[in-house]
PDB file of N, CA and C in Angstrom:
ATOM      1  N   MET A   1     -40.830  21.506  22.634  1.00  0.00           N
ATOM      2  CA  MET A   1     -41.471  20.373  21.991  1.00  0.00           C
ATOM      3  C   MET A   1     -42.996  20.418  22.105  1.00  0.00           C
ATOM      4  N   PRO A   2     -43.558  20.856  23.238  1.00  0.00           N
ATOM      5  CA  PRO A   2     -45.023  20.909  23.320  1.00  0.00           C
ATOM      6  C   PRO A   2     -45.650  21.795  22.244  1.00  0.00           C
ATOM      7  N   ASN A   3     -45.036  22.947  21.915  1.00  0.00           N
ATOM      8  CA  ASN A   3     -45.588  23.807  20.872  1.00  0.00           C
ATOM      9  C   ASN A   3     -45.555  23.118  19.516  1.00  0.00           C
ATOM     10  N   HIS A   4     -44.490  22.345  19.285  1.00  0.00           N
ATOM     11  CA  HIS A   4     -44.368  21.615  18.021  1.00  0.00           C
ATOM     12  C   HIS A   4     -45.545  20.652  17.867  1.00  0.00           C
ATOM     13  N   MET A   5     -45.900  19.963  18.948  1.00  0.00           N
ATOM     14  CA  MET A   5     -47.007  19.021  18.888  1.00  0.00           C
ATOM     15  C   MET A   5     -48.325  19.753  18.676  1.00  0.00           C
ATOM     16  N   GLN A   6     -48.515  20.879  19.332  1.00  0.00           N
ATOM     17  CA  GLN A   6     -49.739  21.647  19.133  1.00  0.00           C
ATOM     18  C   GLN A   6     -49.845  22.115  17.684  1.00  0.00           C
ATOM     19  N   ASP A   7     -48.755  22.600  17.122  1.00  0.00           N
ATOM     20  CA  ASP A   7     -48.751  23.045  15.728  1.00  0.00           C
ATOM     21  C   ASP A   7     -49.100  21.886  14.802  1.00  0.00           C
ATOM     22  N   LYS A   8     -48.487  20.742  15.049  1.00  0.00           N
ATOM     23  CA  LYS A   8     -48.739  19.563  14.221  1.00  0.00           C
ATOM     24  C   LYS A   8     -50.207  19.169  14.291  1.00  0.00           C
ATOM     25  N   GLU A   9     -50.770  19.136  15.487  1.00  0.00           N
ATOM     26  CA  GLU A   9     -52.172  18.756  15.645  1.00  0.00           C
ATOM     27  C   GLU A   9     -53.096  19.759  14.959  1.00  0.00           C
ATOM     28  N   MET A  10     -52.798  21.051  15.083  1.00  0.00           N
ATOM     29  CA  MET A  10     -53.638  22.067  14.445  1.00  0.00           C
ATOM     30  C   MET A  10     -53.584  21.944  12.921  1.00  0.00           C
ATOM     31  N   VAL A  11     -52.394  21.776  12.381  1.00  0.00           N
ATOM     32  CA  VAL A  11     -52.243  21.662  10.927  1.00  0.00           C
ATOM     33  C   VAL A  11     -52.970  20.417  10.422  1.00  0.00           C
ATOM     34  N   ASN A  12     -52.805  19.301  11.113  1.00  0.00           N
ATOM     35  CA  ASN A  12     -53.476  18.077  10.681  1.00  0.00           C
ATOM     36  C   ASN A  12     -54.994  18.193  10.801  1.00  0.00           C
ATOM     37  N   ASP A  13     -55.480  18.892  11.826  1.00  0.00           N
ATOM     38  CA  ASP A  13     -56.919  19.125  11.957  1.00  0.00           C
ATOM     39  C   ASP A  13     -57.438  19.967  10.799  1.00  0.00           C
ATOM     40  N   VAL A  14     -56.708  21.029  10.444  1.00  0.00           N
ATOM     41  CA  VAL A  14     -57.128  21.895   9.335  1.00  0.00           C
ATOM     42  C   VAL A  14     -57.105  21.107   8.030  1.00  0.00           C
ATOM     43  N   LEU A  15     -56.070  20.319   7.802  1.00  0.00           N
ATOM     44  CA  LEU A  15     -56.007  19.498   6.586  1.00  0.00           C
ATOM     45  C   LEU A  15     -57.192  18.541   6.528  1.00  0.00           C
ATOM     46  N   SER A  16     -57.523  17.945   7.640  1.00  0.00           N
ATOM     47  CA  SER A  16     -58.657  17.027   7.684  1.00  0.00           C
ATOM     48  C   SER A  16     -59.962  17.745   7.372  1.00  0.00           C
ATOM     49  N   MET A  17     -60.144  18.929   7.930  1.00  0.00           N
ATOM     50  CA  MET A  17     -61.366  19.700   7.678  1.00  0.00           C
ATOM     51  C   MET A  17     -61.456  20.125   6.214  1.00  0.00           C
ATOM     52  N   ILE A  18     -60.341  20.563   5.653  1.00  0.00           N
ATOM     53  CA  ILE A  18     -60.348  20.984   4.244  1.00  0.00           C
ATOM     54  C   ILE A  18     -60.658  19.800   3.340  1.00  0.00           C
ATOM     55  N   ASN A  19     -60.061  18.653   3.623  1.00  0.00           N
ATOM     56  CA  ASN A  19     -60.318  17.473   2.804  1.00  0.00           C
ATOM     57  C   ASN A  19     -61.799  17.093   2.852  1.00  0.00           C
ATOM     58  N   SER A  20     -62.385  17.187   4.017  1.00  0.00           N
ATOM     59  CA  SER A  20     -63.815  16.906   4.153  1.00  0.00           C
ATOM     60  C   SER A  20     -64.644  17.925   3.368  1.00  0.00           C
ATOM     61  N   SER A  21     -64.266  19.192   3.461  1.00  0.00           N
ATOM     62  CA  SER A  21     -64.981  20.240   2.727  1.00  0.00           C
ATOM     63  C   SER A  21     -64.882  20.026   1.224  1.00  0.00           C
ATOM     64  N   LEU A  22     -63.709  19.616   0.749  1.00  0.00           N
ATOM     65  CA  LEU A  22     -63.539  19.392  -0.690  1.00  0.00           C
ATOM     66  C   LEU A  22     -64.465  18.274  -1.173  1.00  0.00           C
ATOM     67  N   THR A  23     -64.621  17.249  -0.369  1.00  0.00           N
ATOM     68  CA  THR A  23     -65.550  16.166  -0.707  1.00  0.00           C
ATOM     69  C   THR A  23     -66.976  16.695  -0.770  1.00  0.00           C
ATOM     70  N   ASN A  24     -67.330  17.528   0.196  1.00  0.00           N
ATOM     71  CA  ASN A  24     -68.680  18.100   0.228  1.00  0.00           C
ATOM     72  C   ASN A  24     -68.924  19.035  -0.955  1.00  0.00           C
ATOM     73  N   TYR A  25     -67.922  19.814  -1.330  1.00  0.00           N
ATOM     74  CA  TYR A  25     -68.072  20.690  -2.500  1.00  0.00           C
ATOM     75  C   TYR A  25     -68.402  19.872  -3.740  1.00  0.00           C
ATOM     76  N   ALA A  26     -67.698  18.761  -3.927  1.00  0.00           N
ATOM     77  CA  ALA A  26     -67.940  17.925  -5.099  1.00  0.00           C
ATOM     78  C   ALA A  26     -69.392  17.457  -5.142  1.00  0.00           C
ATOM     79  N   THR A  27     -69.921  17.078  -4.002  1.00  0.00           N
ATOM     80  CA  THR A  27     -71.308  16.623  -3.933  1.00  0.00           C
ATOM     81  C   THR A  27     -72.272  17.756  -4.264  1.00  0.00           C
ATOM     82  N   VAL A  28     -72.069  18.905  -3.645  1.00  0.00           N
ATOM     83  CA  VAL A  28     -72.974  20.036  -3.850  1.00  0.00           C
ATOM     84  C   VAL A  28     -72.894  20.546  -5.292  1.00  0.00           C
ATOM     85  N   ILE A  29     -71.691  20.629  -5.830  1.00  0.00           N
ATOM     86  CA  ILE A  29     -71.520  21.107  -7.210  1.00  0.00           C
ATOM     87  C   ILE A  29     -72.245  20.179  -8.174  1.00  0.00           C
ATOM     88  N   SER A  30     -72.096  18.893  -7.980  1.00  0.00           N
ATOM     89  CA  SER A  30     -72.719  17.945  -8.907  1.00  0.00           C
ATOM     90  C   SER A  30     -74.239  17.945  -8.812  1.00  0.00           C
ATOM     91  N   GLN A  31     -74.777  18.444  -7.712  1.00  0.00           N
ATOM     92  CA  GLN A  31     -76.227  18.445  -7.525  1.00  0.00           C
ATOM     93  C   GLN A  31     -76.857  19.816  -7.760  1.00  0.00           C
ATOM     94  N   SER A  32     -76.044  20.801  -8.086  1.00  0.00           N
ATOM     95  CA  SER A  32     -76.561  22.154  -8.289  1.00  0.00           C
ATOM     96  C   SER A  32     -76.974  22.369  -9.746  1.00  0.00           C
ATOM     97  N   SER A  33     -78.182  22.890  -9.927  1.00  0.00           N
ATOM     98  CA  SER A  33     -78.652  23.157 -11.280  1.00  0.00           C
ATOM     99  C   SER A  33     -78.495  24.627 -11.668  1.00  0.00           C
ATOM    100  N   ASN A  34     -78.158  25.475 -10.702  1.00  0.00           N
ATOM    101  CA  ASN A  34     -77.971  26.898 -10.955  1.00  0.00           C
ATOM    102  C   ASN A  34     -76.530  27.128 -11.395  1.00  0.00           C
ATOM    103  N   GLN A  35     -76.330  27.556 -12.639  1.00  0.00           N
ATOM    104  CA  GLN A  35     -74.976  27.697 -13.192  1.00  0.00           C
ATOM    105  C   GLN A  35     -74.130  28.695 -12.406  1.00  0.00           C
ATOM    106  N   GLN A  36     -74.722  29.797 -11.989  1.00  0.00           N
ATOM    107  CA  GLN A  36     -73.963  30.802 -11.235  1.00  0.00           C
ATOM    108  C   GLN A  36     -73.516  30.237  -9.888  1.00  0.00           C
ATOM    109  N   LEU A  37     -74.389  29.496  -9.224  1.00  0.00           N
ATOM    110  CA  LEU A  37     -74.031  28.865  -7.955  1.00  0.00           C
ATOM    111  C   LEU A  37     -72.929  27.833  -8.173  1.00  0.00           C
ATOM    112  N   ARG A  38     -73.058  27.035  -9.226  1.00  0.00           N
ATOM    113  CA  ARG A  38     -72.023  26.029  -9.538  1.00  0.00           C
ATOM    114  C   ARG A  38     -70.656  26.690  -9.721  1.00  0.00           C
ATOM    115  N   GLN A  39     -70.632  27.772 -10.495  1.00  0.00           N
ATOM    116  CA  GLN A  39     -69.360  28.456 -10.756  1.00  0.00           C
ATOM    117  C   GLN A  39     -68.773  29.040  -9.475  1.00  0.00           C
ATOM    118  N   THR A  40     -69.613  29.607  -8.644  1.00  0.00           N
ATOM    119  CA  THR A  40     -69.139  30.172  -7.376  1.00  0.00           C
ATOM    120  C   THR A  40     -68.565  29.078  -6.489  1.00  0.00           C
ATOM    121  N   LEU A  41     -69.275  27.961  -6.383  1.00  0.00           N
ATOM    122  CA  LEU A  41     -68.788  26.845  -5.569  1.00  0.00           C
ATOM    123  C   LEU A  41     -67.501  26.257  -6.138  1.00  0.00           C
ATOM    124  N   GLN A  42     -67.398  26.206  -7.454  1.00  0.00           N
ATOM    125  CA  GLN A  42     -66.174  25.698  -8.077  1.00  0.00           C
ATOM    126  C   GLN A  42     -64.986  26.618  -7.776  1.00  0.00           C
ATOM    127  N   GLN A  43     -65.223  27.923  -7.787  1.00  0.00           N
ATOM    128  CA  GLN A  43     -64.153  28.873  -7.460  1.00  0.00           C
ATOM    129  C   GLN A  43     -63.721  28.717  -6.008  1.00  0.00           C
ATOM    130  N   ILE A  44     -64.678  28.560  -5.112  1.00  0.00           N
ATOM    131  CA  ILE A  44     -64.359  28.355  -3.689  1.00  0.00           C
ATOM    132  C   ILE A  44     -63.586  27.054  -3.521  1.00  0.00           C
ATOM    133  N   ARG A  45     -64.060  25.994  -4.188  1.00  0.00           N
ATOM    134  CA  ARG A  45     -63.379  24.703  -4.110  1.00  0.00           C
ATOM    135  C   ARG A  45     -61.942  24.806  -4.626  1.00  0.00           C
ATOM    136  N   ASN A  46     -61.764  25.481  -5.755  1.00  0.00           N
ATOM    137  CA  ASN A  46     -60.422  25.634  -6.327  1.00  0.00           C
ATOM    138  C   ASN A  46     -59.501  26.384  -5.373  1.00  0.00           C
ATOM    139  N   SER A  47     -60.023  27.411  -4.743  1.00  0.00           N
ATOM    140  CA  SER A  47     -59.242  28.174  -3.769  1.00  0.00           C
ATOM    141  C   SER A  47     -58.867  27.293  -2.577  1.00  0.00           C
ATOM    142  N   ASP A  48     -59.822  26.515  -2.098  1.00  0.00           N
ATOM    143  CA  ASP A  48     -59.554  25.612  -0.978  1.00  0.00           C
ATOM    144  C   ASP A  48     -58.550  24.533  -1.355  1.00  0.00           C
ATOM    145  N   GLU A  49     -58.629  24.037  -2.591  1.00  0.00           N
ATOM    146  CA  GLU A  49     -57.659  23.040  -3.045  1.00  0.00           C
ATOM    147  C   GLU A  49     -56.250  23.622  -3.068  1.00  0.00           C
ATOM    148  N   GLN A  50     -56.117  24.861  -3.500  1.00  0.00           N
ATOM    149  CA  GLN A  50     -54.811  25.523  -3.528  1.00  0.00           C
ATOM    150  C   GLN A  50     -54.279  25.709  -2.105  1.00  0.00           C
ATOM    151  N   PHE A  51     -55.158  26.146  -1.199  1.00  0.00           N
ATOM    152  CA  PHE A  51     -54.758  26.317   0.209  1.00  0.00           C
ATOM    153  C   PHE A  51     -54.356  24.972   0.811  1.00  0.00           C
ATOM    154  N   GLN A  52     -55.137  23.932   0.518  1.00  0.00           N
ATOM    155  CA  GLN A  52     -54.830  22.602   1.052  1.00  0.00           C
ATOM    156  C   GLN A  52     -53.458  22.146   0.581  1.00  0.00           C
ATOM    157  N   TRP A  53     -53.143  22.378  -0.688  1.00  0.00           N
ATOM    158  CA  TRP A  53     -51.851  21.980  -1.250  1.00  0.00           C
ATOM    159  C   TRP A  53     -50.708  22.732  -0.569  1.00  0.00           C
ATOM    160  N   GLN A  54     -50.867  24.024  -0.375  1.00  0.00           N
ATOM    161  CA  GLN A  54     -49.825  24.821   0.277  1.00  0.00           C
ATOM    162  C   GLN A  54     -49.629  24.393   1.728  1.00  0.00           C
ATOM    163  N   LEU A  55     -50.732  24.143   2.429  1.00  0.00           N
ATOM    164  CA  LEU A  55     -50.639  23.706   3.823  1.00  0.00           C
ATOM    165  C   LEU A  55     -50.016  22.318   3.910  1.00  0.00           C
ATOM    166  N   TYR A  56     -50.399  21.446   3.006  1.00  0.00           N
ATOM    167  CA  TYR A  56     -49.813  20.107   2.961  1.00  0.00           C
ATOM    168  C   TYR A  56     -48.298  20.185   2.758  1.00  0.00           C
ATOM    169  N   GLN A  57     -47.857  21.024   1.796  1.00  0.00           N
ATOM    170  CA  GLN A  57     -46.420  21.154   1.537  1.00  0.00           C
ATOM    171  C   GLN A  57     -45.679  21.653   2.772  1.00  0.00           C
ATOM    172  N   MET A  58     -46.256  22.641   3.459  1.00  0.00           N
ATOM    173  CA  MET A  58     -45.637  23.165   4.673  1.00  0.00           C
ATOM    174  C   MET A  58     -45.588  22.080   5.746  1.00  0.00           C
ATOM    175  N   ALA A  59     -46.673  21.341   5.911  1.00  0.00           N
ATOM    176  CA  ALA A  59     -46.729  20.290   6.924  1.00  0.00           C
ATOM    177  C   ALA A  59     -45.700  19.205   6.644  1.00  0.00           C
ATOM    178  N   GLU A  60     -45.554  18.850   5.385  1.00  0.00           N
ATOM    179  CA  GLU A  60     -44.577  17.828   5.014  1.00  0.00           C
ATOM    180  C   GLU A  60     -43.145  18.321   5.280  1.00  0.00           C
ATOM    181  N   GLN A  61     -42.870  19.584   4.949  1.00  0.00           N
ATOM    182  CA  GLN A  61     -41.535  20.152   5.176  1.00  0.00           C
ATOM    183  C   GLN A  61     -41.183  20.186   6.659  1.00  0.00           C
ATOM    184  N   LYS A  62     -42.167  20.453   7.509  1.00  0.00           N
ATOM    185  CA  LYS A  62     -41.932  20.529   8.946  1.00  0.00           C
ATOM    186  C   LYS A  62     -41.973  19.160   9.625  1.00  0.00           C
ATOM    187  N   GLY A  63     -42.286  18.123   8.854  1.00  0.00           N
ATOM    188  CA  GLY A  63     -42.344  16.784   9.415  1.00  0.00           C
ATOM    189  C   GLY A  63     -43.660  16.495  10.137  1.00  0.00           C
ATOM    190  N   PHE A  64     -44.675  17.332   9.901  1.00  0.00           N
ATOM    191  CA  PHE A  64     -45.978  17.134  10.537  1.00  0.00           C
ATOM    192  C   PHE A  64     -46.778  16.045   9.832  1.00  0.00           C
ATOM    193  N   TYR A  65     -46.429  15.771   8.596  1.00  0.00           N
ATOM    194  CA  TYR A  65     -47.213  14.857   7.772  1.00  0.00           C
ATOM    195  C   TYR A  65     -46.253  14.012   6.965  1.00  0.00           C
ATOM    196  N   LYS A  66     -46.457  12.720   6.979  1.00  0.00           N
ATOM    197  CA  LYS A  66     -45.609  11.821   6.199  1.00  0.00           C
ATOM    198  C   LYS A  66     -46.445  11.207   5.086  1.00  0.00           C
ATOM    199  N   SER A  67     -46.028  11.425   3.876  1.00  0.00           N
ATOM    200  CA  SER A  67     -46.740  10.895   2.712  1.00  0.00           C
ATOM    201  C   SER A  67     -46.574   9.388   2.631  1.00  0.00           C
ATOM    202  N   ALA A  68     -47.506   8.767   1.964  1.00  0.00           N
ATOM    203  CA  ALA A  68     -47.382   7.342   1.677  1.00  0.00           C
ATOM    204  C   ALA A  68     -46.237   7.141   0.693  1.00  0.00           C
ATOM    205  N   ALA A  69     -45.687   5.958   0.703  1.00  0.00           N
ATOM    206  CA  ALA A  69     -44.600   5.641  -0.227  1.00  0.00           C
ATOM    207  C   ALA A  69     -45.113   5.728  -1.661  1.00  0.00           C
ATOM    208  N   GLN A  70     -44.251   6.142  -2.563  1.00  0.00           N
ATOM    209  CA  GLN A  70     -44.618   6.243  -3.974  1.00  0.00           C
ATOM    210  C   GLN A  70     -44.877   4.846  -4.532  1.00  0.00           C
ATOM    211  N   ALA A  71     -45.885   4.749  -5.357  1.00  0.00           N
ATOM    212  CA  ALA A  71     -46.209   3.475  -6.004  1.00  0.00           C
ATOM    213  C   ALA A  71     -45.158   3.160  -7.063  1.00  0.00           C
ATOM    214  N   SER A  72     -44.870   1.882  -7.195  1.00  0.00           N
ATOM    215  CA  SER A  72     -43.925   1.457  -8.230  1.00  0.00           C
ATOM    216  C   SER A  72     -44.636   1.461  -9.581  1.00  0.00           C
ATOM    217  N   SER A  73     -43.857   1.408 -10.645  1.00  0.00           N
ATOM    218  CA  SER A  73     -44.427   1.343 -12.000  1.00  0.00           C
ATOM    219  C   SER A  73     -45.322   0.125 -12.148  1.00  0.00           C
ATOM    220  N   GLN A  74     -44.914  -0.968 -11.553  1.00  0.00           N
ATOM    221  CA  GLN A  74     -45.697  -2.211 -11.627  1.00  0.00           C
ATOM    222  C   GLN A  74     -47.046  -2.021 -10.922  1.00  0.00           C
ATOM    223  N   GLU A  75     -47.057  -1.385  -9.760  1.00  0.00           N
ATOM    224  CA  GLU A  75     -48.304  -1.144  -9.040  1.00  0.00           C
ATOM    225  C   GLU A  75     -49.233  -0.218  -9.829  1.00  0.00           C
ATOM    226  N   ILE A  76     -48.664   0.787 -10.452  1.00  0.00           N
ATOM    227  CA  ILE A  76     -49.448   1.724 -11.265  1.00  0.00           C
ATOM    228  C   ILE A  76     -50.082   0.975 -12.433  1.00  0.00           C
ATOM    229  N   GLN A  77     -49.304   0.151 -13.106  1.00  0.00           N
ATOM    230  CA  GLN A  77     -49.830  -0.616 -14.243  1.00  0.00           C
ATOM    231  C   GLN A  77     -50.916  -1.586 -13.807  1.00  0.00           C
ATOM    232  N   GLN A  78     -50.744  -2.174 -12.629  1.00  0.00           N
ATOM    233  CA  GLN A  78     -51.757  -3.108 -12.099  1.00  0.00           C
ATOM    234  C   GLN A  78     -53.077  -2.394 -11.865  1.00  0.00           C
ATOM    235  N   VAL A  79     -53.032  -1.216 -11.288  1.00  0.00           N
ATOM    236  CA  VAL A  79     -54.253  -0.441 -11.040  1.00  0.00           C
ATOM    237  C   VAL A  79     -54.880  -0.006 -12.355  1.00  0.00           C
ATOM    238  N   LYS A  80     -54.042   0.452 -13.284  1.00  0.00           N
ATOM    239  CA  LYS A  80     -54.565   0.841 -14.612  1.00  0.00           C
ATOM    240  C   LYS A  80     -55.287  -0.333 -15.259  1.00  0.00           C
ATOM    241  N   GLY A  81     -54.714  -1.520 -15.130  1.00  0.00           N
ATOM    242  CA  GLY A  81     -55.336  -2.695 -15.714  1.00  0.00           C
ATOM    243  C   GLY A  81     -56.670  -3.033 -15.067  1.00  0.00           C
ATOM    244  N   GLN A  82     -56.793  -2.753 -13.776  1.00  0.00           N
ATOM    245  CA  GLN A  82     -58.020  -3.054 -13.066  1.00  0.00           C
ATOM    246  C   GLN A  82     -59.149  -2.084 -13.419  1.00  0.00           C
ATOM    247  N   ILE A  83     -58.813  -0.856 -13.763  1.00  0.00           N
ATOM    248  CA  ILE A  83     -59.865   0.126 -14.046  1.00  0.00           C
ATOM    249  C   ILE A  83     -60.113   0.327 -15.539  1.00  0.00           C
ATOM    250  N   SER A  84     -59.321  -0.321 -16.359  1.00  0.00           N
ATOM    251  CA  SER A  84     -59.513  -0.196 -17.811  1.00  0.00           C
ATOM    252  C   SER A  84     -60.551  -1.163 -18.319  1.00  0.00           C
TER     253      SER A  84
END
């Protein structure tokens, strides 16, 4: 059981770091005026997003991460109405 907890903590730490990096990429990309730099950062971000998704799926399968409950149709419509 102790190894399971260490694995869970490591995976959640990596997910947290990747999520933070993805936020930072968005900021840097939006502020970059060099097209080549923008494209390079977008490629790195896309790669990190793919890795984050794969790690998230593995974490969820192993029970390391529990997703929030799915929103109901009514909740989705309420949010759509608020942002429209």
